[in-house]
């Protein structure tokens, strides 16, 4: 069940969970404010917490609403697409063979069956990005497991509309957004470390920030870099 708190022009959606600490987030694309609160915490206490964070909420909402959006993709010849932060021009090749994407310097060659529509072309490219993450992410996880002293049991890669990644500390699993393959490689490593640190500290509290500062001193730089990059142009839902 979701409750609502109205703070002037800001609406806060409050969800009760079996957690110890309260968690606040401001989410794209429109800056929706969500609070996950312990089940026993009163709504008045949640309201006081939200009021104390008004300045931070407004700042985050402004960042999200000003973030650049990619132009809509039509998956046509010589359209721009990105791999690890570098621009590639799309080349369409039709063949009576299994669809595939080949990467060449400055080019992405998209092979599809004759007459393949935009939705099919997009699906083939999305699979290409997913496989890039699946290829690169395990080595990064293996690199950081002994450093952080944690173990990731399973790694999932999928298109995520509102997050770059997520972590389930109890199941010790991590999910990564396929769109990370479009961003500079250091952004992928930052998100993986970000989620792996949640296996130590599930919330974004002072201890979590101290751990990130300890293990990845430049993490805020990577975060800001990722947040300034254009995000996919689409209607996001929740």
Protein backbone atom coordinates (compact mmCIF):
# COMPACT_ATOMS: atom_id res chain seq x y z
CA UNK A 1 0.00 0.00 0.00
CA UNK A 2 1.29 3.45 -0.94
CA UNK A 3 0.50 6.56 1.11
CA UNK A 4 0.95 10.13 -0.06
CA UNK A 5 2.34 13.20 1.62
CA UNK A 6 1.73 16.61 0.04
CA UNK A 7 4.45 19.21 0.69
CA UNK A 8 3.34 22.23 -1.31
CA UNK A 9 4.01 21.39 -4.95
CA UNK A 10 5.85 18.18 -4.05
CA UNK A 11 4.05 14.85 -3.70
CA UNK A 12 5.87 12.11 -1.79
CA UNK A 13 4.82 8.49 -2.30
CA UNK A 14 5.46 6.46 0.84
CA UNK A 15 5.76 2.67 0.86
CA UNK A 16 6.03 0.59 4.02
CA UNK A 17 8.68 -2.12 4.05
CA UNK A 18 10.31 -4.53 6.47
CA UNK A 19 13.44 -2.38 6.77
CA UNK A 20 15.30 -0.68 9.60
CA UNK A 21 16.10 2.66 7.96
CA UNK A 22 14.11 5.14 5.92
CA UNK A 23 15.15 5.57 2.28
CA UNK A 24 14.45 8.55 0.03
CA UNK A 25 14.77 8.63 -3.77
CA UNK A 26 13.95 11.07 -6.56
CA UNK A 27 13.30 9.21 -9.79
CA UNK A 28 13.34 9.98 -13.51
CA UNK A 29 11.89 11.03 -15.81
CA UNK A 30 9.80 13.61 -13.92
CA UNK A 31 11.41 13.69 -10.49
CA UNK A 32 8.89 11.52 -8.66
CA UNK A 33 9.69 11.40 -4.93
CA UNK A 34 9.52 8.06 -3.15
CA UNK A 35 10.17 7.12 0.45
CA UNK A 36 10.55 3.56 1.70
CA UNK A 37 9.83 3.64 5.43
CA UNK A 38 9.97 1.04 8.22
CA UNK A 39 6.56 -0.47 8.89
CA UNK A 40 6.38 0.92 12.45
CA UNK A 41 7.36 4.49 11.51
CA UNK A 42 4.44 6.91 11.80
CA UNK A 43 3.36 8.97 8.81
CA UNK A 44 4.02 12.15 10.83
CA UNK A 45 7.62 11.04 11.39
CA UNK A 46 7.98 10.34 7.67
CA UNK A 47 6.60 13.81 6.93
CA UNK A 48 9.15 15.47 9.25
CA UNK A 49 11.92 13.53 7.51
CA UNK A 50 10.68 14.58 4.07
CA UNK A 51 10.45 18.24 5.11
CA UNK A 52 14.07 18.10 6.30
CA UNK A 53 15.09 16.95 2.82
CA UNK A 54 13.10 19.50 0.77
CA UNK A 55 16.17 21.37 -0.50
CA UNK A 56 17.85 18.14 -1.59
CA UNK A 57 14.65 16.91 -3.27
CA UNK A 58 14.28 20.12 -5.29
CA UNK A 59 17.93 19.96 -6.36
CA UNK A 60 17.58 16.36 -7.54
CA UNK A 61 14.35 17.10 -9.38
CA UNK A 62 16.01 19.96 -11.23
CA UNK A 63 18.92 17.70 -12.27
CA UNK A 64 16.57 15.02 -13.58
CA UNK A 65 14.31 17.39 -15.51
CA UNK A 66 17.28 19.12 -17.13
CA UNK A 67 19.03 15.90 -18.14
CA UNK A 68 19.43 15.63 -21.87
CA UNK A 69 17.40 13.00 -23.71
CA UNK A 70 18.61 11.08 -26.73
CA UNK A 71 16.79 11.90 -29.93
CA UNK A 72 14.29 9.15 -30.82
CA UNK A 73 15.98 6.27 -32.66
CA UNK A 74 14.50 4.98 -35.92
CA UNK A 75 17.22 2.37 -36.64
CA UNK A 76 17.99 3.73 -40.08
CA UNK A 77 21.12 3.89 -42.23
CA UNK A 78 23.85 6.22 -40.84
CA UNK A 79 21.95 6.88 -37.61
CA UNK A 80 24.17 7.55 -34.58
CA UNK A 81 24.47 4.89 -31.88
CA UNK A 82 26.97 4.60 -29.05
CA UNK A 83 29.19 1.79 -27.75
CA UNK A 84 31.19 2.40 -24.57
CA UNK A 85 30.71 6.13 -25.01
CA UNK A 86 31.94 6.27 -28.61
CA UNK A 87 29.76 7.29 -31.55
CA UNK A 88 29.09 4.69 -34.26
CA UNK A 89 27.12 5.10 -37.49
CA UNK A 90 24.58 2.40 -38.21
CA UNK A 91 24.87 0.38 -41.42
CA UNK A 92 21.90 -1.81 -42.38
CA UNK A 93 22.52 -5.04 -44.27
CA UNK A 94 19.70 -7.38 -45.29
CA UNK A 95 20.36 -11.11 -45.60
CA UNK A 96 18.47 -14.39 -45.32
CA UNK A 97 20.41 -15.31 -42.20
CA UNK A 98 20.21 -14.94 -38.44
CA UNK A 99 20.22 -11.28 -37.32
CA UNK A 100 23.54 -10.08 -35.94
CA UNK A 101 25.43 -6.88 -35.09
CA UNK A 102 29.06 -6.47 -36.09
CA UNK A 103 31.18 -3.70 -34.65
CA UNK A 104 33.74 -1.97 -36.85
CA UNK A 105 35.72 1.25 -36.26
CA UNK A 106 33.09 3.97 -36.15
CA UNK A 107 30.37 1.63 -37.45
CA UNK A 108 27.73 -0.76 -36.23
CA UNK A 109 26.71 -3.17 -38.98
CA UNK A 110 23.19 -4.40 -38.30
CA UNK A 111 22.34 -7.50 -40.33
CA UNK A 112 18.62 -8.29 -40.45
CA UNK A 113 16.30 -10.28 -42.65
CA UNK A 114 14.77 -8.43 -45.64
CA UNK A 115 11.84 -6.25 -44.61
CA UNK A 116 12.70 -6.23 -40.88
CA UNK A 117 10.79 -3.40 -39.23
CA UNK A 118 11.98 -0.83 -36.70
CA UNK A 119 10.91 -2.92 -33.70
CA UNK A 120 12.88 -5.92 -34.95
CA UNK A 121 15.98 -3.83 -35.62
CA UNK A 122 15.75 -2.35 -32.12
CA UNK A 123 15.43 -5.81 -30.56
CA UNK A 124 18.58 -7.03 -32.35
CA UNK A 125 20.55 -4.00 -31.18
CA UNK A 126 19.23 -4.36 -27.63
CA UNK A 127 20.44 -7.97 -27.62
CA UNK A 128 23.84 -6.75 -28.81
CA UNK A 129 24.10 -4.29 -25.91
CA UNK A 130 22.94 -6.96 -23.45
CA UNK A 131 25.65 -9.35 -24.63
CA UNK A 132 28.31 -6.65 -24.28
CA UNK A 133 27.39 -6.18 -20.62
CA UNK A 134 27.24 -9.95 -20.05
CA UNK A 135 30.73 -10.26 -21.50
CA UNK A 136 32.33 -7.41 -19.54
CA UNK A 137 30.54 -7.43 -16.18
CA UNK A 138 31.65 -10.83 -14.74
CA UNK A 139 35.33 -9.88 -14.88
CA UNK A 140 34.61 -6.61 -13.07
CA UNK A 141 32.60 -8.45 -10.41
CA UNK A 142 35.42 -10.99 -9.95
CA UNK A 143 37.94 -8.15 -9.63
CA UNK A 144 35.97 -6.44 -6.86
CA UNK A 145 34.73 -9.44 -4.86
CA UNK A 146 38.04 -9.97 -2.99
CA UNK A 147 38.53 -6.21 -2.59
CA UNK A 148 35.12 -5.73 -0.97
CA UNK A 149 34.99 -9.13 0.70
CA UNK A 150 31.61 -10.01 -0.81
CA UNK A 151 30.24 -12.62 -3.20
CA UNK A 152 27.72 -12.00 -5.95
CA UNK A 153 25.63 -15.13 -6.45
CA UNK A 154 23.92 -14.08 -9.68
CA UNK A 155 24.25 -11.26 -12.17
CA UNK A 156 21.30 -10.21 -14.34
CA UNK A 157 21.38 -7.88 -17.35
CA UNK A 158 18.16 -6.32 -18.61
CA UNK A 159 16.66 -3.11 -19.93
CA UNK A 160 15.72 -0.99 -16.93
CA UNK A 161 13.71 2.18 -17.42
CA UNK A 162 14.41 4.01 -14.17
CA UNK A 163 17.70 2.66 -12.82
CA UNK A 164 21.24 1.96 -13.97
CA UNK A 165 21.42 -0.99 -11.60
CA UNK A 166 19.90 -2.62 -8.54
CA UNK A 167 20.92 -5.00 -5.79
CA UNK A 168 19.10 -7.59 -3.69
CA UNK A 169 21.30 -7.95 -0.59
CA UNK A 170 19.44 -10.95 0.82
CA UNK A 171 19.67 -12.92 -2.44
CA UNK A 172 23.11 -11.43 -3.17
CA UNK A 173 22.14 -10.65 -6.75
CA UNK A 174 22.81 -7.63 -8.95
CA UNK A 175 20.92 -6.33 -11.97
CA UNK A 176 22.49 -4.08 -14.61
CA UNK A 177 20.85 -1.90 -17.26
CA UNK A 178 21.74 -2.88 -20.83
CA UNK A 179 22.08 0.83 -21.70
CA UNK A 180 25.31 0.94 -19.68
CA UNK A 181 26.99 -0.55 -22.78
CA UNK A 182 26.36 2.80 -24.48
CA UNK A 183 28.18 4.76 -21.79
CA UNK A 184 31.94 5.02 -21.07
CA UNK A 185 33.34 1.79 -19.62
CA UNK A 186 34.21 3.40 -16.28
CA UNK A 187 30.48 4.04 -15.75
CA UNK A 188 29.79 0.30 -15.88
CA UNK A 189 32.48 -0.38 -13.28
CA UNK A 190 31.14 2.39 -11.06
CA UNK A 191 27.60 0.99 -11.13
CA UNK A 192 28.84 -2.54 -10.40
CA UNK A 193 30.85 -1.32 -7.40
CA UNK A 194 27.92 0.84 -6.29
CA UNK A 195 25.64 -2.21 -6.21
CA UNK A 196 28.26 -4.54 -4.68
CA UNK A 197 28.80 -2.12 -1.78
CA UNK A 198 25.07 -2.52 -1.08
CA UNK A 199 25.88 -6.13 -0.16
CA UNK A 200 27.75 -4.60 2.79
CA UNK A 201 25.47 -1.63 3.46
CA UNK A 202 21.95 -1.85 1.93
CA UNK A 203 21.08 1.84 2.34
CA UNK A 204 22.64 5.08 1.14
CA UNK A 205 23.63 6.17 4.62
CA UNK A 206 26.87 7.72 5.91
CA UNK A 207 28.48 4.29 6.22
CA UNK A 208 27.69 3.53 2.58
CA UNK A 209 29.23 6.82 1.43
CA UNK A 210 32.32 6.16 3.57
CA UNK A 211 32.71 2.72 1.96
CA UNK A 212 32.43 4.17 -1.53
CA UNK A 213 34.99 6.86 -0.63
CA UNK A 214 37.31 4.16 0.68
CA UNK A 215 37.11 1.71 -2.20
CA UNK A 216 36.44 4.02 -5.17
CA UNK A 217 37.62 7.56 -4.33
CA UNK A 218 36.49 8.94 -7.71
CA UNK A 219 33.00 7.45 -7.52
CA UNK A 220 31.25 10.85 -7.35
CA UNK A 221 33.04 11.91 -10.52
CA UNK A 222 31.83 8.76 -12.30
CA UNK A 223 28.31 9.26 -10.94
CA UNK A 224 28.18 12.85 -12.16
CA UNK A 225 29.56 11.82 -15.55
CA UNK A 226 26.85 9.19 -15.94
CA UNK A 227 24.11 11.53 -14.78
CA UNK A 228 25.12 14.18 -17.32
CA UNK A 229 25.02 11.81 -20.29
CA UNK A 230 21.86 11.66 -22.43
CA UNK A 231 19.39 8.95 -21.45
CA UNK A 232 17.16 6.92 -23.73
CA UNK A 233 14.26 8.81 -25.27
CA UNK A 234 11.11 6.96 -24.25
CA UNK A 235 8.06 7.15 -22.04
CA UNK A 236 9.17 5.83 -18.67
CA UNK A 237 6.76 4.09 -16.34
CA UNK A 238 7.09 2.49 -12.93
